[in-house]
């Protein structure tokens, strides 16, 4: 994947050098996403059908296409994300030139209508931005082939912390907005803080579990070890760590140095700040 990312970075530097800092952020996210699904993809057959729900700049979807998978990249331009449109086009141009452009569908997951066709689906930090959580989960579940699964990670808003704005949460989105209005809407760390805040849906483990329980032929499980690897990422990835407050970063680095962060894998999923969920289709319904 490093070769692909470097190729696109060179293309970006030549055509839009002002986007390099933004590219580096999304390149790091794509690398994380590839490691996130590495165990799942290793079990897939060559040419397996994969859908990335919320494909962003397409960096990861293109990499999977380079590896020989049949990839669908679902990515509408939504509130809070218009800033990477130019970067996304640069990635598409390069992928088309190199012959690794996946099938791209530009509508939201709320209207996904394909049935029983994907061998694996995934998304990374997307589900907290969808407009209708139950409909998205139902549509993606219906799109899975028998025996396939949808794996996604996103914040768990039962844990009192909002990671995009690095603020504590106060019971609800409305109350949190009132308490931290200036810090949210004057945030300088993102080009469209109002759009970003509007896009957040306050998803949590209990909501996901309740929806999954109502989907015929679908089982839901929650992995509790992702938090451990995320904390380790904070210790080695300076760009990723810089998105946390200095106080939070210092505390997390201390936990990692003392190896106390490994204890978090024993914390129930409902109390963890990061959700790592798998929806698995167990029969042919949907």
C-alpha atoms as a PDB file:
ATOM      1  CA  UNK A   1       0.000   0.000   0.000  1.00  0.00           C
ATOM      2  CA  UNK A   2       2.939   2.316   0.634  1.00  0.00           C
ATOM      3  CA  UNK A   3       3.752   2.404  -3.094  1.00  0.00           C
ATOM      4  CA  UNK A   4       0.180   3.419  -3.949  1.00  0.00           C
ATOM      5  CA  UNK A   5       0.066   6.157  -1.333  1.00  0.00           C
ATOM      6  CA  UNK A   6       3.426   7.533  -2.422  1.00  0.00           C
ATOM      7  CA  UNK A   7       2.317   7.546  -6.059  1.00  0.00           C
ATOM      8  CA  UNK A   8      -0.798   9.542  -5.228  1.00  0.00           C
ATOM      9  CA  UNK A   9       1.168  11.885  -2.975  1.00  0.00           C
ATOM     10  CA  UNK A  10       3.577  12.630  -5.830  1.00  0.00           C
ATOM     11  CA  UNK A  11       0.587  13.306  -8.092  1.00  0.00           C
ATOM     12  CA  UNK A  12      -0.892  15.617  -5.486  1.00  0.00           C
ATOM     13  CA  UNK A  13       2.394  17.445  -4.952  1.00  0.00           C
ATOM     14  CA  UNK A  14       2.657  18.073  -8.687  1.00  0.00           C
ATOM     15  CA  UNK A  15      -0.927  19.236  -9.230  1.00  0.00           C
ATOM     16  CA  UNK A  16      -2.119  20.638  -5.885  1.00  0.00           C
ATOM     17  CA  UNK A  17       0.730  21.009  -3.376  1.00  0.00           C
ATOM     18  CA  UNK A  18      -1.533  22.991  -1.060  1.00  0.00           C
ATOM     19  CA  UNK A  19      -3.420  19.744  -0.366  1.00  0.00           C
ATOM     20  CA  UNK A  20      -0.412  17.762   0.837  1.00  0.00           C
ATOM     21  CA  UNK A  21      -1.139  18.192   4.531  1.00  0.00           C
ATOM     22  CA  UNK A  22      -4.713  17.076   3.983  1.00  0.00           C
ATOM     23  CA  UNK A  23      -3.531  14.154   1.883  1.00  0.00           C
ATOM     24  CA  UNK A  24      -1.184  12.972   4.624  1.00  0.00           C
ATOM     25  CA  UNK A  25      -4.077  12.865   7.086  1.00  0.00           C
ATOM     26  CA  UNK A  26      -6.251  10.780   4.795  1.00  0.00           C
ATOM     27  CA  UNK A  27      -3.333   8.583   3.756  1.00  0.00           C
ATOM     28  CA  UNK A  28      -2.747   7.702   7.404  1.00  0.00           C
ATOM     29  CA  UNK A  29      -6.454   6.922   7.787  1.00  0.00           C
ATOM     30  CA  UNK A  30      -6.352   4.695   4.710  1.00  0.00           C
ATOM     31  CA  UNK A  31      -3.347   2.820   6.095  1.00  0.00           C
ATOM     32  CA  UNK A  32      -5.188   2.343   9.373  1.00  0.00           C
ATOM     33  CA  UNK A  33      -8.275   1.131   7.526  1.00  0.00           C
ATOM     34  CA  UNK A  34      -6.225  -1.430   5.615  1.00  0.00           C
ATOM     35  CA  UNK A  35      -4.798  -2.806   8.847  1.00  0.00           C
ATOM     36  CA  UNK A  36      -8.271  -2.755  10.418  1.00  0.00           C
ATOM     37  CA  UNK A  37      -9.676  -5.155   7.805  1.00  0.00           C
ATOM     38  CA  UNK A  38      -6.493  -7.156   7.187  1.00  0.00           C
ATOM     39  CA  UNK A  39      -7.674 -10.296   8.992  1.00  0.00           C
ATOM     40  CA  UNK A  40     -11.053 -10.186   7.231  1.00  0.00           C
ATOM     41  CA  UNK A  41      -9.619  -9.627   3.764  1.00  0.00           C
ATOM     42  CA  UNK A  42      -7.140 -12.464   4.235  1.00  0.00           C
ATOM     43  CA  UNK A  43     -10.085 -14.864   4.463  1.00  0.00           C
ATOM     44  CA  UNK A  44     -11.666 -13.674   1.218  1.00  0.00           C
ATOM     45  CA  UNK A  45     -11.212 -15.412  -2.108  1.00  0.00           C
ATOM     46  CA  UNK A  46      -9.462 -13.612  -4.996  1.00  0.00           C
ATOM     47  CA  UNK A  47     -11.932 -11.360  -6.744  1.00  0.00           C
ATOM     48  CA  UNK A  48     -14.276 -11.252  -3.754  1.00  0.00           C
ATOM     49  CA  UNK A  49     -16.876  -8.485  -3.817  1.00  0.00           C
ATOM     50  CA  UNK A  50     -16.212  -5.763  -1.228  1.00  0.00           C
ATOM     51  CA  UNK A  51     -18.117  -2.577  -0.514  1.00  0.00           C
ATOM     52  CA  UNK A  52     -16.573   0.274   1.452  1.00  0.00           C
ATOM     53  CA  UNK A  53     -19.388   2.300   2.983  1.00  0.00           C
ATOM     54  CA  UNK A  54     -18.164   5.865   3.207  1.00  0.00           C
ATOM     55  CA  UNK A  55     -15.093   5.573   1.002  1.00  0.00           C
ATOM     56  CA  UNK A  56     -13.872   9.142   1.564  1.00  0.00           C
ATOM     57  CA  UNK A  57     -11.039   9.936  -0.799  1.00  0.00           C
ATOM     58  CA  UNK A  58     -11.118   6.383  -2.278  1.00  0.00           C
ATOM     59  CA  UNK A  59      -7.513   5.705  -1.245  1.00  0.00           C
ATOM     60  CA  UNK A  60      -8.378   2.452   0.511  1.00  0.00           C
ATOM     61  CA  UNK A  61     -10.942   1.296  -2.055  1.00  0.00           C
ATOM     62  CA  UNK A  62      -8.388   1.801  -4.825  1.00  0.00           C
ATOM     63  CA  UNK A  63      -5.796  -0.168  -2.886  1.00  0.00           C
ATOM     64  CA  UNK A  64      -8.206  -3.074  -2.502  1.00  0.00           C
ATOM     65  CA  UNK A  65      -8.892  -2.916  -6.241  1.00  0.00           C
ATOM     66  CA  UNK A  66      -5.123  -3.045  -6.819  1.00  0.00           C
ATOM     67  CA  UNK A  67      -5.080  -6.239  -4.771  1.00  0.00           C
ATOM     68  CA  UNK A  68      -7.562  -7.883  -7.103  1.00  0.00           C
ATOM     69  CA  UNK A  69     -10.837  -7.506  -5.222  1.00  0.00           C
ATOM     70  CA  UNK A  70     -14.030  -6.403  -6.956  1.00  0.00           C
ATOM     71  CA  UNK A  71     -14.624  -3.172  -5.053  1.00  0.00           C
ATOM     72  CA  UNK A  72     -17.603  -0.859  -4.753  1.00  0.00           C
ATOM     73  CA  UNK A  73     -16.910   2.516  -3.130  1.00  0.00           C
ATOM     74  CA  UNK A  74     -20.006   4.198  -1.729  1.00  0.00           C
ATOM     75  CA  UNK A  75     -19.378   7.872  -1.000  1.00  0.00           C
ATOM     76  CA  UNK A  76     -21.807  10.788  -1.199  1.00  0.00           C
ATOM     77  CA  UNK A  77     -20.486  14.269  -0.445  1.00  0.00           C
ATOM     78  CA  UNK A  78     -22.189  15.088   2.821  1.00  0.00           C
ATOM     79  CA  UNK A  79     -22.282  17.869   5.385  1.00  0.00           C
ATOM     80  CA  UNK A  80     -18.894  18.508   6.891  1.00  0.00           C
ATOM     81  CA  UNK A  81     -16.899  16.799   4.130  1.00  0.00           C
ATOM     82  CA  UNK A  82     -16.904  19.089   1.099  1.00  0.00           C
ATOM     83  CA  UNK A  83     -13.301  20.074   1.887  1.00  0.00           C
ATOM     84  CA  UNK A  84     -11.811  16.924   0.337  1.00  0.00           C
ATOM     85  CA  UNK A  85     -13.658  17.027  -2.984  1.00  0.00           C
ATOM     86  CA  UNK A  86     -10.612  18.254  -4.889  1.00  0.00           C
ATOM     87  CA  UNK A  87      -8.347  15.725  -3.219  1.00  0.00           C
ATOM     88  CA  UNK A  88     -10.794  12.931  -3.977  1.00  0.00           C
ATOM     89  CA  UNK A  89     -10.804  13.890  -7.663  1.00  0.00           C
ATOM     90  CA  UNK A  90      -7.003  13.751  -7.759  1.00  0.00           C
ATOM     91  CA  UNK A  91      -7.127  10.226  -6.323  1.00  0.00           C
ATOM     92  CA  UNK A  92      -9.753   9.179  -8.861  1.00  0.00           C
ATOM     93  CA  UNK A  93      -7.734  10.591 -11.738  1.00  0.00           C
ATOM     94  CA  UNK A  94      -4.630   8.691 -10.668  1.00  0.00           C
ATOM     95  CA  UNK A  95      -6.541   5.464 -10.053  1.00  0.00           C
ATOM     96  CA  UNK A  96      -8.197   5.651 -13.452  1.00  0.00           C
ATOM     97  CA  UNK A  97      -4.813   6.162 -15.091  1.00  0.00           C
ATOM     98  CA  UNK A  98      -3.354   3.151 -13.258  1.00  0.00           C
ATOM     99  CA  UNK A  99      -6.414   0.961 -13.819  1.00  0.00           C
ATOM    100  CA  UNK A 100      -7.418   0.530 -10.179  1.00  0.00           C
ATOM    101  CA  UNK A 101     -10.511   2.717  -9.964  1.00  0.00           C
ATOM    102  CA  UNK A 102     -13.294   0.838  -8.157  1.00  0.00           C
ATOM    103  CA  UNK A 103     -16.948   1.056  -9.010  1.00  0.00           C
ATOM    104  CA  UNK A 104     -18.119   4.311  -7.420  1.00  0.00           C
ATOM    105  CA  UNK A 105     -21.684   5.007  -6.311  1.00  0.00           C
ATOM    106  CA  UNK A 106     -22.403   8.530  -5.161  1.00  0.00           C
ATOM    107  CA  UNK A 107     -25.603   8.126  -3.187  1.00  0.00           C
ATOM    108  CA  UNK A 108     -25.985   7.624   0.579  1.00  0.00           C
ATOM    109  CA  UNK A 109     -26.274   4.225   2.216  1.00  0.00           C
ATOM    110  CA  UNK A 110     -29.851   5.089   3.167  1.00  0.00           C
ATOM    111  CA  UNK A 111     -30.873   4.297  -0.428  1.00  0.00           C
ATOM    112  CA  UNK A 112     -28.569   1.334  -1.086  1.00  0.00           C
ATOM    113  CA  UNK A 113     -30.790  -1.271  -2.734  1.00  0.00           C
ATOM    114  CA  UNK A 114     -28.465  -4.097  -3.777  1.00  0.00           C
ATOM    115  CA  UNK A 115     -29.287  -7.523  -2.324  1.00  0.00           C
ATOM    116  CA  UNK A 116     -27.219 -10.558  -1.353  1.00  0.00           C
ATOM    117  CA  UNK A 117     -24.183  -9.599  -3.405  1.00  0.00           C
ATOM    118  CA  UNK A 118     -21.214  -8.487  -1.267  1.00  0.00           C
ATOM    119  CA  UNK A 119     -18.776 -10.906   0.351  1.00  0.00           C
ATOM    120  CA  UNK A 120     -17.572  -8.282   2.819  1.00  0.00           C
ATOM    121  CA  UNK A 121     -18.576  -4.747   3.768  1.00  0.00           C
ATOM    122  CA  UNK A 122     -16.791  -2.303   6.011  1.00  0.00           C
ATOM    123  CA  UNK A 123     -16.576   1.309   7.088  1.00  0.00           C
ATOM    124  CA  UNK A 124     -14.168   3.292   9.245  1.00  0.00           C
ATOM    125  CA  UNK A 125     -15.472   6.276  11.225  1.00  0.00           C
ATOM    126  CA  UNK A 126     -18.532   6.641   9.024  1.00  0.00           C
ATOM    127  CA  UNK A 127     -21.517   5.342  10.966  1.00  0.00           C
ATOM    128  CA  UNK A 128     -21.504   8.341  13.309  1.00  0.00           C
ATOM    129  CA  UNK A 129     -22.312  10.546  10.298  1.00  0.00           C
ATOM    130  CA  UNK A 130     -25.220   8.716   8.622  1.00  0.00           C
ATOM    131  CA  UNK A 131     -28.679  10.270   8.747  1.00  0.00           C
ATOM    132  CA  UNK A 132     -30.661   7.108   9.499  1.00  0.00           C
ATOM    133  CA  UNK A 133     -28.785   4.438  11.467  1.00  0.00           C
ATOM    134  CA  UNK A 134     -31.486   1.703  11.328  1.00  0.00           C
ATOM    135  CA  UNK A 135     -32.025   2.093   7.583  1.00  0.00           C
ATOM    136  CA  UNK A 136     -28.306   2.078   6.817  1.00  0.00           C
ATOM    137  CA  UNK A 137     -27.745  -1.035   8.914  1.00  0.00           C
ATOM    138  CA  UNK A 138     -30.722  -2.764   7.290  1.00  0.00           C
ATOM    139  CA  UNK A 139     -29.622  -1.849   3.760  1.00  0.00           C
ATOM    140  CA  UNK A 140     -26.044  -2.983   4.252  1.00  0.00           C
ATOM    141  CA  UNK A 141     -27.187  -6.196   5.927  1.00  0.00           C
ATOM    142  CA  UNK A 142     -29.487  -6.877   2.992  1.00  0.00           C
ATOM    143  CA  UNK A 143     -26.638  -6.301   0.541  1.00  0.00           C
ATOM    144  CA  UNK A 144     -24.472  -9.019   2.116  1.00  0.00           C
ATOM    145  CA  UNK A 145     -24.173 -12.433   0.539  1.00  0.00           C
ATOM    146  CA  UNK A 146     -25.092 -15.374   2.802  1.00  0.00           C
ATOM    147  CA  UNK A 147     -22.361 -15.852   5.397  1.00  0.00           C
ATOM    148  CA  UNK A 148     -20.816 -12.423   4.743  1.00  0.00           C
ATOM    149  CA  UNK A 149     -20.329  -9.690   7.325  1.00  0.00           C
ATOM    150  CA  UNK A 150     -20.246  -5.934   7.708  1.00  0.00           C
ATOM    151  CA  UNK A 151     -17.566  -4.641  10.064  1.00  0.00           C
ATOM    152  CA  UNK A 152     -17.448  -1.043  11.175  1.00  0.00           C
ATOM    153  CA  UNK A 153     -15.773   1.118  13.749  1.00  0.00           C
ATOM    154  CA  UNK A 154     -16.970   4.476  15.046  1.00  0.00           C
ATOM    155  CA  UNK A 155     -17.289   6.360  18.351  1.00  0.00           C
ATOM    156  CA  UNK A 156     -19.559   5.007  21.058  1.00  0.00           C
ATOM    157  CA  UNK A 157     -21.426   7.994  22.463  1.00  0.00           C
ATOM    158  CA  UNK A 158     -22.326   6.169  25.665  1.00  0.00           C
ATOM    159  CA  UNK A 159     -18.749   7.044  26.593  1.00  0.00           C
ATOM    160  CA  UNK A 160     -18.732  10.760  27.558  1.00  0.00           C
ATOM    161  CA  UNK A 161     -16.273  12.030  24.953  1.00  0.00           C
ATOM    162  CA  UNK A 162     -16.637  13.506  21.458  1.00  0.00           C
ATOM    163  CA  UNK A 163     -13.446  12.708  19.482  1.00  0.00           C
ATOM    164  CA  UNK A 164     -13.927  15.053  16.506  1.00  0.00           C
ATOM    165  CA  UNK A 165     -13.972  18.134  18.738  1.00  0.00           C
ATOM    166  CA  UNK A 166     -12.051  16.722  21.728  1.00  0.00           C
ATOM    167  CA  UNK A 167     -14.746  17.666  24.211  1.00  0.00           C
ATOM    168  CA  UNK A 168     -16.607  15.812  26.968  1.00  0.00           C
ATOM    169  CA  UNK A 169     -20.248  15.054  26.290  1.00  0.00           C
ATOM    170  CA  UNK A 170     -23.084  15.986  28.622  1.00  0.00           C
ATOM    171  CA  UNK A 171     -25.845  13.367  28.305  1.00  0.00           C
ATOM    172  CA  UNK A 172     -27.103  14.555  24.912  1.00  0.00           C
ATOM    173  CA  UNK A 173     -25.946  16.292  21.752  1.00  0.00           C
ATOM    174  CA  UNK A 174     -28.223  19.265  22.441  1.00  0.00           C
ATOM    175  CA  UNK A 175     -26.902  19.825  25.962  1.00  0.00           C
ATOM    176  CA  UNK A 176     -23.311  19.319  24.836  1.00  0.00           C
ATOM    177  CA  UNK A 177     -23.805  21.931  22.106  1.00  0.00           C
ATOM    178  CA  UNK A 178     -25.115  24.447  24.617  1.00  0.00           C
ATOM    179  CA  UNK A 179     -22.201  23.893  26.971  1.00  0.00           C
ATOM    180  CA  UNK A 180     -19.458  23.949  24.322  1.00  0.00           C
ATOM    181  CA  UNK A 181     -21.044  26.119  21.612  1.00  0.00           C
ATOM    182  CA  UNK A 182     -18.049  28.379  21.062  1.00  0.00           C
ATOM    183  CA  UNK A 183     -15.512  25.556  21.131  1.00  0.00           C
ATOM    184  CA  UNK A 184     -17.552  23.609  18.581  1.00  0.00           C
ATOM    185  CA  UNK A 185     -18.486  26.267  16.054  1.00  0.00           C
ATOM    186  CA  UNK A 186     -15.218  28.216  16.322  1.00  0.00           C
ATOM    187  CA  UNK A 187     -13.035  25.134  15.952  1.00  0.00           C
ATOM    188  CA  UNK A 188     -10.012  25.888  13.789  1.00  0.00           C
ATOM    189  CA  UNK A 189      -8.945  22.276  13.363  1.00  0.00           C
ATOM    190  CA  UNK A 190     -11.495  21.646  10.598  1.00  0.00           C
ATOM    191  CA  UNK A 191     -12.735  23.669   7.612  1.00  0.00           C
ATOM    192  CA  UNK A 192     -16.453  23.185   8.330  1.00  0.00           C
ATOM    193  CA  UNK A 193     -17.088  22.691  12.071  1.00  0.00           C
ATOM    194  CA  UNK A 194     -20.806  23.501  11.811  1.00  0.00           C
ATOM    195  CA  UNK A 195     -21.275  20.914   9.075  1.00  0.00           C
ATOM    196  CA  UNK A 196     -19.244  18.356  10.982  1.00  0.00           C
ATOM    197  CA  UNK A 197     -21.251  18.891  14.165  1.00  0.00           C
ATOM    198  CA  UNK A 198     -24.538  18.702  12.268  1.00  0.00           C
ATOM    199  CA  UNK A 199     -23.504  15.371  10.741  1.00  0.00           C
ATOM    200  CA  UNK A 200     -22.947  13.618  14.085  1.00  0.00           C
ATOM    201  CA  UNK A 201     -25.772  11.257  15.050  1.00  0.00           C
ATOM    202  CA  UNK A 202     -24.716  10.203  18.577  1.00  0.00           C
ATOM    203  CA  UNK A 203     -24.568   6.500  17.736  1.00  0.00           C
ATOM    204  CA  UNK A 204     -23.867   4.069  20.559  1.00  0.00           C
ATOM    205  CA  UNK A 205     -23.475   0.363  21.246  1.00  0.00           C
ATOM    206  CA  UNK A 206     -26.993  -0.055  22.637  1.00  0.00           C
ATOM    207  CA  UNK A 207     -28.607   1.590  19.612  1.00  0.00           C
ATOM    208  CA  UNK A 208     -26.663  -0.655  17.250  1.00  0.00           C
ATOM    209  CA  UNK A 209     -27.483  -3.768  19.270  1.00  0.00           C
ATOM    210  CA  UNK A 210     -31.204  -2.943  19.335  1.00  0.00           C
ATOM    211  CA  UNK A 211     -31.314  -2.362  15.587  1.00  0.00           C
ATOM    212  CA  UNK A 212     -29.340  -5.524  14.851  1.00  0.00           C
ATOM    213  CA  UNK A 213     -31.666  -7.566  17.058  1.00  0.00           C
ATOM    214  CA  UNK A 214     -34.547  -6.574  14.775  1.00  0.00           C
ATOM    215  CA  UNK A 215     -32.800  -7.603  11.540  1.00  0.00           C
ATOM    216  CA  UNK A 216     -33.786 -11.089  10.383  1.00  0.00           C
ATOM    217  CA  UNK A 217     -30.857 -13.420   9.880  1.00  0.00           C
ATOM    218  CA  UNK A 218     -28.299 -10.983  11.309  1.00  0.00           C
ATOM    219  CA  UNK A 219     -26.131 -11.425  14.398  1.00  0.00           C
ATOM    220  CA  UNK A 220     -24.103  -8.614  15.994  1.00  0.00           C
ATOM    221  CA  UNK A 221     -20.859  -8.944  17.935  1.00  0.00           C
ATOM    222  CA  UNK A 222     -18.586  -6.291  19.429  1.00  0.00           C
ATOM    223  CA  UNK A 223     -14.808  -6.598  19.493  1.00  0.00           C
ATOM    224  CA  UNK A 224     -13.256  -5.104  22.641  1.00  0.00           C
ATOM    225  CA  UNK A 225      -9.593  -5.116  21.601  1.00  0.00           C
ATOM    226  CA  UNK A 226      -9.604  -2.301  19.022  1.00  0.00           C
ATOM    227  CA  UNK A 227      -9.226   0.323  21.751  1.00  0.00           C
ATOM    228  CA  UNK A 228      -5.892  -1.206  22.747  1.00  0.00           C
ATOM    229  CA  UNK A 229      -4.448  -0.901  19.233  1.00  0.00           C
ATOM    230  CA  UNK A 230      -5.874   2.619  18.886  1.00  0.00           C
ATOM    231  CA  UNK A 231      -4.092   3.735  22.039  1.00  0.00           C
ATOM    232  CA  UNK A 232      -0.889   2.218  20.706  1.00  0.00           C
ATOM    233  CA  UNK A 233      -1.420   4.167  17.498  1.00  0.00           C
ATOM    234  CA  UNK A 234      -1.518   7.384  19.514  1.00  0.00           C
ATOM    235  CA  UNK A 235       1.934   6.521  20.829  1.00  0.00           C
ATOM    236  CA  UNK A 236       3.509   6.074  17.382  1.00  0.00           C
ATOM    237  CA  UNK A 237       1.442   8.238  14.998  1.00  0.00           C
ATOM    238  CA  UNK A 238       2.130  11.913  15.726  1.00  0.00           C
ATOM    239  CA  UNK A 239      -0.494  13.237  13.301  1.00  0.00           C
ATOM    240  CA  UNK A 240      -3.161  11.016  14.824  1.00  0.00           C
ATOM    241  CA  UNK A 241      -2.067  11.904  18.351  1.00  0.00           C
ATOM    242  CA  UNK A 242      -2.114  15.645  17.588  1.00  0.00           C
ATOM    243  CA  UNK A 243      -5.899  15.522  17.149  1.00  0.00           C
ATOM    244  CA  UNK A 244      -6.241  14.897  20.898  1.00  0.00           C
ATOM    245  CA  UNK A 245      -5.841  17.546  23.552  1.00  0.00           C
ATOM    246  CA  UNK A 246      -2.353  17.758  25.119  1.00  0.00           C
ATOM    247  CA  UNK A 247      -3.706  16.606  28.476  1.00  0.00           C
ATOM    248  CA  UNK A 248      -5.507  13.624  26.956  1.00  0.00           C
ATOM    249  CA  UNK A 249      -2.487  12.686  24.866  1.00  0.00           C
ATOM    250  CA  UNK A 250      -0.169  12.817  27.892  1.00  0.00           C
ATOM    251  CA  UNK A 251      -2.488  10.585  29.880  1.00  0.00           C
ATOM    252  CA  UNK A 252      -2.843   8.045  27.073  1.00  0.00           C
ATOM    253  CA  UNK A 253       0.886   7.967  26.399  1.00  0.00           C
ATOM    254  CA  UNK A 254       1.507   7.268  30.083  1.00  0.00           C
ATOM    255  CA  UNK A 255      -0.959   4.387  30.017  1.00  0.00           C
ATOM    256  CA  UNK A 256       0.760   2.912  26.957  1.00  0.00           C
ATOM    257  CA  UNK A 257       4.240   3.257  28.463  1.00  0.00           C
ATOM    258  CA  UNK A 258       3.081   1.482  31.598  1.00  0.00           C
ATOM    259  CA  UNK A 259       1.224  -1.068  29.439  1.00  0.00           C
ATOM    260  CA  UNK A 260      -1.890  -0.402  31.464  1.00  0.00           C
ATOM    261  CA  UNK A 261      -3.798   0.267  28.233  1.00  0.00           C
ATOM    262  CA  UNK A 262      -4.009  -3.496  27.685  1.00  0.00           C
ATOM    263  CA  UNK A 263      -6.505  -3.694  30.520  1.00  0.00           C
ATOM    264  CA  UNK A 264      -9.063  -1.901  28.338  1.00  0.00           C
ATOM    265  CA  UNK A 265      -9.703  -5.079  26.348  1.00  0.00           C
ATOM    266  CA  UNK A 266     -11.522  -6.397  29.415  1.00  0.00           C
ATOM    267  CA  UNK A 267     -13.872  -3.394  29.591  1.00  0.00           C
ATOM    268  CA  UNK A 268     -17.375  -4.203  28.262  1.00  0.00           C
ATOM    269  CA  UNK A 269     -18.073  -2.743  24.812  1.00  0.00           C
ATOM    270  CA  UNK A 270     -20.854  -0.557  26.190  1.00  0.00           C
ATOM    271  CA  UNK A 271     -18.307   1.417  28.235  1.00  0.00           C
ATOM    272  CA  UNK A 272     -15.589   1.770  25.598  1.00  0.00           C
ATOM    273  CA  UNK A 273     -15.131   5.022  23.607  1.00  0.00           C
ATOM    274  CA  UNK A 274     -14.626   3.116  20.350  1.00  0.00           C
ATOM    275  CA  UNK A 275     -17.133   0.705  18.841  1.00  0.00           C
ATOM    276  CA  UNK A 276     -15.946  -2.191  16.690  1.00  0.00           C
ATOM    277  CA  UNK A 277     -19.029  -4.035  15.490  1.00  0.00           C
ATOM    278  CA  UNK A 278     -19.588  -6.955  13.148  1.00  0.00           C
ATOM    279  CA  UNK A 279     -22.967  -7.703  11.584  1.00  0.00           C
ATOM    280  CA  UNK A 280     -22.961 -11.203  10.144  1.00  0.00           C
ATOM    281  CA  UNK A 281     -25.590 -12.614   7.824  1.00  0.00           C
ATOM    282  CA  UNK A 282     -26.467 -16.064   9.053  1.00  0.00           C
ATOM    283  CA  UNK A 283     -29.049 -17.039   6.421  1.00  0.00           C
ATOM    284  CA  UNK A 284     -30.391 -16.036   2.999  1.00  0.00           C
ATOM    285  CA  UNK A 285     -32.970 -13.543   4.240  1.00  0.00           C
ATOM    286  CA  UNK A 286     -32.608  -9.805   3.501  1.00  0.00           C
END
